[in-house]
Amino acid sequence: MTRIKKHDLVHVLTGKDKGKRGEVIEILLKKGKVKVKGVFLQTRHTKNSTAGGVGGVRTEEGFIDLSNVMPICKSTGKPCRVRIKQLEDGSKARVSHRSGEVL
């Protein structure tokens, strides 16, 4: 089980976008990378590949390292560490270390 999942709200800890918050769009677990909405924006130049295609300049999010983001606790609104807790029915859940609530 991972500490960060898709659609989680995260806080950026380091880098040029330090302090920004955003929603996780995509995760590459094997590479340890994450793509966050509105963070690490990159400019891409594309040319039209087909006769009717449209080329141009577009801005999109890039991948940042998984260790540079921290999930935000829903109850306190602050960045928190995540623990894995085994529930009574035998399943596992991600729990905020700050408030003890299930993420």
PDB file of N, CA and C in Angstrom:
ATOM      1  N   MET A   1       0.850  -1.180   0.000  1.00  0.00           N
ATOM      2  CA  MET A   1       0.000   0.000   0.000  1.00  0.00           C
ATOM      3  C   MET A   1       0.895   1.242   0.000  1.00  0.00           C
ATOM      4  N   THR A   2       0.535   2.217  -0.819  1.00  0.00           N
ATOM      5  CA  THR A   2       1.330   3.427  -0.922  1.00  0.00           C
ATOM      6  C   THR A   2       0.774   4.526  -0.037  1.00  0.00           C
ATOM      7  N   ARG A   3       1.617   5.485   0.311  1.00  0.00           N
ATOM      8  CA  ARG A   3       1.166   6.563   1.182  1.00  0.00           C
ATOM      9  C   ARG A   3       0.454   7.660   0.418  1.00  0.00           C
ATOM     10  N   ILE A   4       0.657   7.704  -0.923  1.00  0.00           N
ATOM     11  CA  ILE A   4      -0.017   8.684  -1.758  1.00  0.00           C
ATOM     12  C   ILE A   4      -0.733   7.959  -2.886  1.00  0.00           C
ATOM     13  N   LYS A   5      -1.976   8.356  -3.139  1.00  0.00           N
ATOM     14  CA  LYS A   5      -2.762   7.745  -4.206  1.00  0.00           C
ATOM     15  C   LYS A   5      -3.275   8.827  -5.145  1.00  0.00           C
ATOM     16  N   LYS A   6      -3.801   8.394  -6.279  1.00  0.00           N
ATOM     17  CA  LYS A   6      -4.373   9.304  -7.258  1.00  0.00           C
ATOM     18  C   LYS A   6      -5.557  10.038  -6.628  1.00  0.00           C
ATOM     19  N   HIS A   7      -5.718  11.295  -6.958  1.00  0.00           N
ATOM     20  CA  HIS A   7      -6.784  12.193  -6.477  1.00  0.00           C
ATOM     21  C   HIS A   7      -6.565  12.652  -5.035  1.00  0.00           C
ATOM     22  N   ASP A   8      -5.413  12.378  -4.434  1.00  0.00           N
ATOM     23  CA  ASP A   8      -5.097  12.908  -3.113  1.00  0.00           C
ATOM     24  C   ASP A   8      -4.671  14.364  -3.238  1.00  0.00           C
ATOM     25  N   LEU A   9      -4.943  15.157  -2.221  1.00  0.00           N
ATOM     26  CA  LEU A   9      -4.465  16.527  -2.157  1.00  0.00           C
ATOM     27  C   LEU A   9      -3.105  16.487  -1.464  1.00  0.00           C
ATOM     28  N   VAL A  10      -2.072  17.059  -2.114  1.00  0.00           N
ATOM     29  CA  VAL A  10      -0.717  16.997  -1.570  1.00  0.00           C
ATOM     30  C   VAL A  10      -0.108  18.390  -1.473  1.00  0.00           C
ATOM     31  N   HIS A  11       0.929  18.496  -0.651  1.00  0.00           N
ATOM     32  CA  HIS A  11       1.695  19.718  -0.418  1.00  0.00           C
ATOM     33  C   HIS A  11       3.106  19.472  -0.919  1.00  0.00           C
ATOM     34  N   VAL A  12       3.648  20.399  -1.736  1.00  0.00           N
ATOM     35  CA  VAL A  12       5.004  20.249  -2.281  1.00  0.00           C
ATOM     36  C   VAL A  12       6.003  20.758  -1.251  1.00  0.00           C
ATOM     37  N   LEU A  13       7.000  19.912  -0.915  1.00  0.00           N
ATOM     38  CA  LEU A  13       7.956  20.232   0.139  1.00  0.00           C
ATOM     39  C   LEU A  13       9.190  20.977  -0.363  1.00  0.00           C
ATOM     40  N   THR A  14       9.695  20.627  -1.556  1.00  0.00           N
ATOM     41  CA  THR A  14      10.923  21.227  -2.052  1.00  0.00           C
ATOM     42  C   THR A  14      10.806  21.547  -3.529  1.00  0.00           C
ATOM     43  N   GLY A  15      11.783  22.293  -4.031  1.00  0.00           N
ATOM     44  CA  GLY A  15      11.828  22.624  -5.442  1.00  0.00           C
ATOM     45  C   GLY A  15      11.285  24.013  -5.713  1.00  0.00           C
ATOM     46  N   LYS A  16      11.177  24.345  -7.005  1.00  0.00           N
ATOM     47  CA  LYS A  16      10.742  25.693  -7.377  1.00  0.00           C
ATOM     48  C   LYS A  16       9.280  25.952  -7.031  1.00  0.00           C
ATOM     49  N   ASP A  17       8.491  24.902  -6.870  1.00  0.00           N
ATOM     50  CA  ASP A  17       7.078  25.038  -6.520  1.00  0.00           C
ATOM     51  C   ASP A  17       6.817  24.741  -5.047  1.00  0.00           C
ATOM     52  N   LYS A  18       7.805  24.968  -4.204  1.00  0.00           N
ATOM     53  CA  LYS A  18       7.678  24.693  -2.778  1.00  0.00           C
ATOM     54  C   LYS A  18       6.512  25.483  -2.179  1.00  0.00           C
ATOM     55  N   GLY A  19       5.681  24.779  -1.404  1.00  0.00           N
ATOM     56  CA  GLY A  19       4.549  25.410  -0.742  1.00  0.00           C
ATOM     57  C   GLY A  19       3.237  25.312  -1.501  1.00  0.00           C
ATOM     58  N   LYS A  20       3.285  24.909  -2.767  1.00  0.00           N
ATOM     59  CA  LYS A  20       2.059  24.785  -3.547  1.00  0.00           C
ATOM     60  C   LYS A  20       1.306  23.519  -3.160  1.00  0.00           C
ATOM     61  N   ARG A  21      -0.004  23.567  -3.380  1.00  0.00           N
ATOM     62  CA  ARG A  21      -0.849  22.404  -3.133  1.00  0.00           C
ATOM     63  C   ARG A  21      -1.563  22.042  -4.417  1.00  0.00           C
ATOM     64  N   GLY A  22      -1.829  20.758  -4.583  1.00  0.00           N
ATOM     65  CA  GLY A  22      -2.536  20.331  -5.773  1.00  0.00           C
ATOM     66  C   GLY A  22      -2.987  18.891  -5.656  1.00  0.00           C
ATOM     67  N   GLU A  23      -3.773  18.469  -6.640  1.00  0.00           N
ATOM     68  CA  GLU A  23      -4.309  17.113  -6.673  1.00  0.00           C
ATOM     69  C   GLU A  23      -3.402  16.222  -7.507  1.00  0.00           C
ATOM     70  N   VAL A  24      -3.201  15.000  -7.055  1.00  0.00           N
ATOM     71  CA  VAL A  24      -2.362  14.043  -7.775  1.00  0.00           C
ATOM     72  C   VAL A  24      -3.105  13.580  -9.026  1.00  0.00           C
ATOM     73  N   ILE A  25      -2.441  13.723 -10.187  1.00  0.00           N
ATOM     74  CA  ILE A  25      -3.030  13.326 -11.460  1.00  0.00           C
ATOM     75  C   ILE A  25      -2.599  11.913 -11.828  1.00  0.00           C
ATOM     76  N   GLU A  26      -1.307  11.626 -11.621  1.00  0.00           N
ATOM     77  CA  GLU A  26      -0.753  10.346 -12.068  1.00  0.00           C
ATOM     78  C   GLU A  26       0.419   9.965 -11.170  1.00  0.00           C
ATOM     79  N   ILE A  27       0.616   8.657 -10.987  1.00  0.00           N
ATOM     80  CA  ILE A  27       1.719   8.148 -10.175  1.00  0.00           C
ATOM     81  C   ILE A  27       2.458   7.065 -10.952  1.00  0.00           C
ATOM     82  N   LEU A  28       3.788   7.137 -10.933  1.00  0.00           N
ATOM     83  CA  LEU A  28       4.636   6.082 -11.479  1.00  0.00           C
ATOM     84  C   LEU A  28       5.364   5.447 -10.294  1.00  0.00           C
ATOM     85  N   LEU A  29       4.836   4.342  -9.772  1.00  0.00           N
ATOM     86  CA  LEU A  29       5.379   3.752  -8.552  1.00  0.00           C
ATOM     87  C   LEU A  29       6.787   3.192  -8.741  1.00  0.00           C
ATOM     88  N   LYS A  30       7.035   2.535  -9.867  1.00  0.00           N
ATOM     89  CA  LYS A  30       8.351   1.928 -10.083  1.00  0.00           C
ATOM     90  C   LYS A  30       9.450   2.980 -10.189  1.00  0.00           C
ATOM     91  N   LYS A  31       9.124   4.139 -10.753  1.00  0.00           N
ATOM     92  CA  LYS A  31      10.096   5.217 -10.883  1.00  0.00           C
ATOM     93  C   LYS A  31      10.083   6.154  -9.684  1.00  0.00           C
ATOM     94  N   GLY A  32       9.036   6.075  -8.865  1.00  0.00           N
ATOM     95  CA  GLY A  32       8.926   6.945  -7.702  1.00  0.00           C
ATOM     96  C   GLY A  32       8.615   8.382  -8.081  1.00  0.00           C
ATOM     97  N   LYS A  33       7.768   8.567  -9.089  1.00  0.00           N
ATOM     98  CA  LYS A  33       7.424   9.899  -9.569  1.00  0.00           C
ATOM     99  C   LYS A  33       5.926  10.138  -9.440  1.00  0.00           C
ATOM    100  N   VAL A  34       5.560  11.406  -9.343  1.00  0.00           N
ATOM    101  CA  VAL A  34       4.166  11.784  -9.214  1.00  0.00           C
ATOM    102  C   VAL A  34       3.922  13.057 -10.025  1.00  0.00           C
ATOM    103  N   LYS A  35       2.727  13.166 -10.613  1.00  0.00           N
ATOM    104  CA  LYS A  35       2.338  14.354 -11.376  1.00  0.00           C
ATOM    105  C   LYS A  35       1.221  15.041 -10.614  1.00  0.00           C
ATOM    106  N   VAL A  36       1.434  16.325 -10.274  1.00  0.00           N
ATOM    107  CA  VAL A  36       0.486  17.083  -9.461  1.00  0.00           C
ATOM    108  C   VAL A  36      -0.093  18.217 -10.299  1.00  0.00           C
ATOM    109  N   LYS A  37      -1.387  18.416 -10.202  1.00  0.00           N
ATOM    110  CA  LYS A  37      -2.094  19.434 -10.989  1.00  0.00           C
ATOM    111  C   LYS A  37      -1.605  20.832 -10.603  1.00  0.00           C
ATOM    112  N   GLY A  38      -1.113  21.587 -11.599  1.00  0.00           N
ATOM    113  CA  GLY A  38      -0.666  22.959 -11.375  1.00  0.00           C
ATOM    114  C   GLY A  38       0.738  23.096 -10.837  1.00  0.00           C
ATOM    115  N   VAL A  39       1.494  21.999 -10.751  1.00  0.00           N
ATOM    116  CA  VAL A  39       2.845  22.025 -10.200  1.00  0.00           C
ATOM    117  C   VAL A  39       3.822  21.534 -11.256  1.00  0.00           C
ATOM    118  N   PHE A  40       4.997  22.158 -11.339  1.00  0.00           N
ATOM    119  CA  PHE A  40       6.079  21.820 -12.267  1.00  0.00           C
ATOM    120  C   PHE A  40       5.574  21.851 -13.707  1.00  0.00           C
ATOM    121  N   LEU A  41       5.081  23.027 -14.102  1.00  0.00           N
ATOM    122  CA  LEU A  41       4.539  23.203 -15.442  1.00  0.00           C
ATOM    123  C   LEU A  41       5.673  23.297 -16.452  1.00  0.00           C
ATOM    124  N   GLN A  42       5.541  22.557 -17.554  1.00  0.00           N
ATOM    125  CA  GLN A  42       6.541  22.525 -18.601  1.00  0.00           C
ATOM    126  C   GLN A  42       5.897  22.952 -19.913  1.00  0.00           C
ATOM    127  N   THR A  43       6.665  23.645 -20.745  1.00  0.00           N
ATOM    128  CA  THR A  43       6.183  24.074 -22.046  1.00  0.00           C
ATOM    129  C   THR A  43       6.619  23.063 -23.089  1.00  0.00           C
ATOM    130  N   ARG A  44       5.680  22.564 -23.874  1.00  0.00           N
ATOM    131  CA  ARG A  44       5.955  21.582 -24.922  1.00  0.00           C
ATOM    132  C   ARG A  44       5.603  22.199 -26.275  1.00  0.00           C
ATOM    133  N   HIS A  45       6.522  22.063 -27.229  1.00  0.00           N
ATOM    134  CA  HIS A  45       6.277  22.516 -28.597  1.00  0.00           C
ATOM    135  C   HIS A  45       5.904  21.296 -29.425  1.00  0.00           C
ATOM    136  N   THR A  46       4.731  21.331 -30.041  1.00  0.00           N
ATOM    137  CA  THR A  46       4.271  20.198 -30.833  1.00  0.00           C
ATOM    138  C   THR A  46       4.039  20.642 -32.267  1.00  0.00           C
ATOM    139  N   LYS A  47       4.323  19.751 -33.198  1.00  0.00           N
ATOM    140  CA  LYS A  47       4.007  20.058 -34.587  1.00  0.00           C
ATOM    141  C   LYS A  47       2.863  19.161 -35.016  1.00  0.00           C
ATOM    142  N   ASN A  48       2.097  19.619 -35.995  1.00  0.00           N
ATOM    143  CA  ASN A  48       0.948  18.840 -36.407  1.00  0.00           C
ATOM    144  C   ASN A  48       1.423  17.574 -37.121  1.00  0.00           C
ATOM    145  N   SER A  49       0.931  16.439 -36.669  1.00  0.00           N
ATOM    146  CA  SER A  49       1.374  15.157 -37.194  1.00  0.00           C
ATOM    147  C   SER A  49       0.500  14.690 -38.357  1.00  0.00           C
ATOM    148  N   THR A  50      -0.689  15.203 -38.462  1.00  0.00           N
ATOM    149  CA  THR A  50      -1.591  14.820 -39.550  1.00  0.00           C
ATOM    150  C   THR A  50      -1.957  16.057 -40.364  1.00  0.00           C
ATOM    151  N   ALA A  51      -2.646  15.834 -41.453  1.00  0.00           N
ATOM    152  CA  ALA A  51      -3.029  16.954 -42.317  1.00  0.00           C
ATOM    153  C   ALA A  51      -3.984  17.912 -41.607  1.00  0.00           C
ATOM    154  N   GLY A  52      -4.879  17.387 -40.782  1.00  0.00           N
ATOM    155  CA  GLY A  52      -5.841  18.228 -40.082  1.00  0.00           C
ATOM    156  C   GLY A  52      -5.435  18.538 -38.656  1.00  0.00           C
ATOM    157  N   GLY A  53      -4.262  18.050 -38.230  1.00  0.00           N
ATOM    158  CA  GLY A  53      -3.826  18.229 -36.849  1.00  0.00           C
ATOM    159  C   GLY A  53      -3.415  19.657 -36.553  1.00  0.00           C
ATOM    160  N   VAL A  54      -3.395  20.004 -35.301  1.00  0.00           N
ATOM    161  CA  VAL A  54      -3.034  21.348 -34.883  1.00  0.00           C
ATOM    162  C   VAL A  54      -1.766  21.274 -34.052  1.00  0.00           C
ATOM    163  N   GLY A  55      -0.767  22.037 -34.418  1.00  0.00           N
ATOM    164  CA  GLY A  55       0.465  22.121 -33.648  1.00  0.00           C
ATOM    165  C   GLY A  55       0.466  23.387 -32.824  1.00  0.00           C
ATOM    166  N   GLY A  56       1.514  23.576 -32.047  1.00  0.00           N
ATOM    167  CA  GLY A  56       1.609  24.798 -31.257  1.00  0.00           C
ATOM    168  C   GLY A  56       2.358  24.557 -29.966  1.00  0.00           C
ATOM    169  N   VAL A  57       2.218  25.500 -29.074  1.00  0.00           N
ATOM    170  CA  VAL A  57       2.874  25.439 -27.774  1.00  0.00           C
ATOM    171  C   VAL A  57       1.810  25.138 -26.730  1.00  0.00           C
ATOM    172  N   ARG A  58       2.064  24.131 -25.901  1.00  0.00           N
ATOM    173  CA  ARG A  58       1.121  23.802 -24.834  1.00  0.00           C
ATOM    174  C   ARG A  58       1.871  23.624 -23.529  1.00  0.00           C
ATOM    175  N   THR A  59       1.212  23.901 -22.444  1.00  0.00           N
ATOM    176  CA  THR A  59       1.798  23.776 -21.116  1.00  0.00           C
ATOM    177  C   THR A  59       1.166  22.588 -20.414  1.00  0.00           C
ATOM    178  N   GLU A  60       2.001  21.734 -19.833  1.00  0.00           N
ATOM    179  CA  GLU A  60       1.493  20.567 -19.111  1.00  0.00           C
ATOM    180  C   GLU A  60       2.363  20.309 -17.885  1.00  0.00           C
ATOM    181  N   GLU A  61       1.815  19.538 -16.956  1.00  0.00           N
ATOM    182  CA  GLU A  61       2.524  19.217 -15.732  1.00  0.00           C
ATOM    183  C   GLU A  61       3.584  18.152 -16.002  1.00  0.00           C
ATOM    184  N   GLY A  62       4.692  18.259 -15.287  1.00  0.00           N
ATOM    185  CA  GLY A  62       5.744  17.254 -15.371  1.00  0.00           C
ATOM    186  C   GLY A  62       5.765  16.423 -14.104  1.00  0.00           C
ATOM    187  N   PHE A  63       6.563  15.362 -14.124  1.00  0.00           N
ATOM    188  CA  PHE A  63       6.674  14.482 -12.963  1.00  0.00           C
ATOM    189  C   PHE A  63       7.699  15.035 -11.978  1.00  0.00           C
ATOM    190  N   ILE A  64       7.379  14.950 -10.690  1.00  0.00           N
ATOM    191  CA  ILE A  64       8.329  15.290  -9.634  1.00  0.00           C
ATOM    192  C   ILE A  64       8.510  14.060  -8.756  1.00  0.00           C
ATOM    193  N   ASP A  65       9.549  14.073  -7.944  1.00  0.00           N
ATOM    194  CA  ASP A  65       9.852  12.918  -7.118  1.00  0.00           C
ATOM    195  C   ASP A  65       8.801  12.742  -6.026  1.00  0.00           C
ATOM    196  N   LEU A  66       8.489  11.489  -5.751  1.00  0.00           N
ATOM    197  CA  LEU A  66       7.459  11.152  -4.768  1.00  0.00           C
ATOM    198  C   LEU A  66       7.831  11.636  -3.366  1.00  0.00           C
ATOM    199  N   SER A  67       9.133  11.707  -3.082  1.00  0.00           N
ATOM    200  CA  SER A  67       9.574  12.134  -1.752  1.00  0.00           C
ATOM    201  C   SER A  67       9.430  13.639  -1.546  1.00  0.00           C
ATOM    202  N   ASN A  68       9.147  14.391  -2.608  1.00  0.00           N
ATOM    203  CA  ASN A  68       9.016  15.843  -2.500  1.00  0.00           C
ATOM    204  C   ASN A  68       7.602  16.306  -2.213  1.00  0.00           C
ATOM    205  N   VAL A  69       6.664  15.385  -2.029  1.00  0.00           N
ATOM    206  CA  VAL A  69       5.287  15.759  -1.720  1.00  0.00           C
ATOM    207  C   VAL A  69       4.828  15.042  -0.449  1.00  0.00           C
ATOM    208  N   MET A  70       3.872  15.672   0.226  1.00  0.00           N
ATOM    209  CA  MET A  70       3.318  15.102   1.458  1.00  0.00           C
ATOM    210  C   MET A  70       1.806  15.267   1.422  1.00  0.00           C
ATOM    211  N   PRO A  71       1.057  14.209   1.733  1.00  0.00           N
ATOM    212  CA  PRO A  71      -0.407  14.324   1.713  1.00  0.00           C
ATOM    213  C   PRO A  71      -0.919  15.306   2.762  1.00  0.00           C
ATOM    214  N   ILE A  72      -2.083  15.878   2.492  1.00  0.00           N
ATOM    215  CA  ILE A  72      -2.686  16.844   3.403  1.00  0.00           C
ATOM    216  C   ILE A  72      -3.811  16.164   4.173  1.00  0.00           C
ATOM    217  N   CYS A  73      -3.806  16.337   5.495  1.00  0.00           N
ATOM    218  CA  CYS A  73      -4.831  15.771   6.368  1.00  0.00           C
ATOM    219  C   CYS A  73      -6.156  16.485   6.106  1.00  0.00           C
ATOM    220  N   LYS A  74      -7.224  15.724   5.955  1.00  0.00           N
ATOM    221  CA  LYS A  74      -8.529  16.309   5.631  1.00  0.00           C
ATOM    222  C   LYS A  74      -9.108  17.105   6.791  1.00  0.00           C
ATOM    223  N   SER A  75      -8.860  16.686   8.018  1.00  0.00           N
ATOM    224  CA  SER A  75      -9.474  17.365   9.156  1.00  0.00           C
ATOM    225  C   SER A  75      -8.720  18.639   9.559  1.00  0.00           C
ATOM    226  N   THR A  76      -7.371  18.615   9.508  1.00  0.00           N
ATOM    227  CA  THR A  76      -6.596  19.777   9.943  1.00  0.00           C
ATOM    228  C   THR A  76      -6.194  20.685   8.794  1.00  0.00           C
ATOM    229  N   GLY A  77      -6.110  20.143   7.569  1.00  0.00           N
ATOM    230  CA  GLY A  77      -5.699  20.940   6.420  1.00  0.00           C
ATOM    231  C   GLY A  77      -4.210  21.175   6.344  1.00  0.00           C
ATOM    232  N   LYS A  78      -3.436  20.440   7.136  1.00  0.00           N
ATOM    233  CA  LYS A  78      -1.979  20.580   7.155  1.00  0.00           C
ATOM    234  C   LYS A  78      -1.329  19.316   6.605  1.00  0.00           C
ATOM    235  N   PRO A  79      -0.086  19.426   6.112  1.00  0.00           N
ATOM    236  CA  PRO A  79       0.623  18.224   5.656  1.00  0.00           C
ATOM    237  C   PRO A  79       0.826  17.249   6.809  1.00  0.00           C
ATOM    238  N   CYS A  80       0.741  15.950   6.508  1.00  0.00           N
ATOM    239  CA  CYS A  80       0.847  14.955   7.564  1.00  0.00           C
ATOM    240  C   CYS A  80       1.593  13.724   7.068  1.00  0.00           C
ATOM    241  N   ARG A  81       2.161  13.005   7.992  1.00  0.00           N
ATOM    242  CA  ARG A  81       2.739  11.707   7.677  1.00  0.00           C
ATOM    243  C   ARG A  81       1.612  10.682   7.648  1.00  0.00           C
ATOM    244  N   VAL A  82       1.885   9.565   6.966  1.00  0.00           N
ATOM    245  CA  VAL A  82       0.845   8.556   6.805  1.00  0.00           C
ATOM    246  C   VAL A  82       1.319   7.242   7.416  1.00  0.00           C
ATOM    247  N   ARG A  83       0.459   6.638   8.187  1.00  0.00           N
ATOM    248  CA  ARG A  83       0.708   5.307   8.736  1.00  0.00           C
ATOM    249  C   ARG A  83      -0.254   4.336   8.088  1.00  0.00           C
ATOM    250  N   ILE A  84       0.140   3.079   8.034  1.00  0.00           N
ATOM    251  CA  ILE A  84      -0.733   2.024   7.537  1.00  0.00           C
ATOM    252  C   ILE A  84      -1.256   1.279   8.757  1.00  0.00           C
ATOM    253  N   LYS A  85      -2.581   1.210   8.876  1.00  0.00           N
ATOM    254  CA  LYS A  85      -3.197   0.579  10.038  1.00  0.00           C
ATOM    255  C   LYS A  85      -4.081  -0.562   9.559  1.00  0.00           C
ATOM    256  N   GLN A  86      -4.006  -1.677  10.273  1.00  0.00           N
ATOM    257  CA  GLN A  86      -4.862  -2.807   9.934  1.00  0.00           C
ATOM    258  C   GLN A  86      -6.172  -2.676  10.707  1.00  0.00           C
ATOM    259  N   LEU A  87      -7.268  -2.704   9.962  1.00  0.00           N
ATOM    260  CA  LEU A  87      -8.583  -2.540  10.567  1.00  0.00           C
ATOM    261  C   LEU A  87      -9.082  -3.865  11.138  1.00  0.00           C
ATOM    262  N   GLU A  88     -10.198  -3.807  11.855  1.00  0.00           N
ATOM    263  CA  GLU A  88     -10.739  -4.991  12.521  1.00  0.00           C
ATOM    264  C   GLU A  88     -11.164  -6.073  11.535  1.00  0.00           C
ATOM    265  N   ASP A  89     -11.606  -5.661  10.327  1.00  0.00           N
ATOM    266  CA  ASP A  89     -12.035  -6.656   9.345  1.00  0.00           C
ATOM    267  C   ASP A  89     -10.865  -7.265   8.574  1.00  0.00           C
ATOM    268  N   GLY A  90      -9.631  -6.871   8.897  1.00  0.00           N
ATOM    269  CA  GLY A  90      -8.448  -7.442   8.265  1.00  0.00           C
ATOM    270  C   GLY A  90      -7.896  -6.620   7.126  1.00  0.00           C
ATOM    271  N   SER A  91      -8.618  -5.613   6.668  1.00  0.00           N
ATOM    272  CA  SER A  91      -8.115  -4.775   5.581  1.00  0.00           C
ATOM    273  C   SER A  91      -7.188  -3.698   6.135  1.00  0.00           C
ATOM    274  N   LYS A  92      -6.400  -3.114   5.236  1.00  0.00           N
ATOM    275  CA  LYS A  92      -5.468  -2.065   5.638  1.00  0.00           C
ATOM    276  C   LYS A  92      -5.996  -0.716   5.188  1.00  0.00           C
ATOM    277  N   ALA A  93      -5.665   0.322   5.946  1.00  0.00           N
ATOM    278  CA  ALA A  93      -6.111   1.675   5.618  1.00  0.00           C
ATOM    279  C   ALA A  93      -4.981   2.658   5.893  1.00  0.00           C
ATOM    280  N   ARG A  94      -4.981   3.743   5.130  1.00  0.00           N
ATOM    281  CA  ARG A  94      -4.016   4.817   5.357  1.00  0.00           C
ATOM    282  C   ARG A  94      -4.572   5.746   6.422  1.00  0.00           C
ATOM    283  N   VAL A  95      -3.766   6.030   7.448  1.00  0.00           N
ATOM    284  CA  VAL A  95      -4.221   6.830   8.580  1.00  0.00           C
ATOM    285  C   VAL A  95      -3.282   8.025   8.744  1.00  0.00           C
ATOM    286  N   SER A  96      -3.855   9.200   8.979  1.00  0.00           N
ATOM    287  CA  SER A  96      -3.074  10.408   9.221  1.00  0.00           C
ATOM    288  C   SER A  96      -2.380  10.299  10.579  1.00  0.00           C
ATOM    289  N   HIS A  97      -1.091  10.545  10.595  1.00  0.00           N
ATOM    290  CA  HIS A  97      -0.339  10.499  11.850  1.00  0.00           C
ATOM    291  C   HIS A  97      -0.696  11.700  12.731  1.00  0.00           C
ATOM    292  N   ARG A  98      -1.117  12.791  12.108  1.00  0.00           N
ATOM    293  CA  ARG A  98      -1.434  14.018  12.831  1.00  0.00           C
ATOM    294  C   ARG A  98      -2.762  13.912  13.585  1.00  0.00           C
ATOM    295  N   SER A  99      -3.823  13.416  12.923  1.00  0.00           N
ATOM    296  CA  SER A  99      -5.139  13.397  13.553  1.00  0.00           C
ATOM    297  C   SER A  99      -5.646  11.991  13.863  1.00  0.00           C
ATOM    298  N   GLY A 100      -5.063  10.971  13.245  1.00  0.00           N
ATOM    299  CA  GLY A 100      -5.504   9.609  13.481  1.00  0.00           C
ATOM    300  C   GLY A 100      -6.696   9.190  12.636  1.00  0.00           C
ATOM    301  N   GLU A 101      -7.125  10.053  11.702  1.00  0.00           N
ATOM    302  CA  GLU A 101      -8.272   9.740  10.854  1.00  0.00           C
ATOM    303  C   GLU A 101      -7.832   9.010   9.593  1.00  0.00           C
ATOM    304  N   VAL A 102      -8.739   8.230   9.046  1.00  0.00           N
ATOM    305  CA  VAL A 102      -8.462   7.472   7.827  1.00  0.00           C
ATOM    306  C   VAL A 102      -8.470   8.428   6.648  1.00  0.00           C
ATOM    307  N   LEU A 103      -7.425   8.340   5.799  1.00  0.00           N
ATOM    308  CA  LEU A 103      -7.371   9.148   4.582  1.00  0.00           C
ATOM    309  C   LEU A 103      -8.132   8.448   3.546  1.00  0.00           C
TER     310      LEU A 103
END
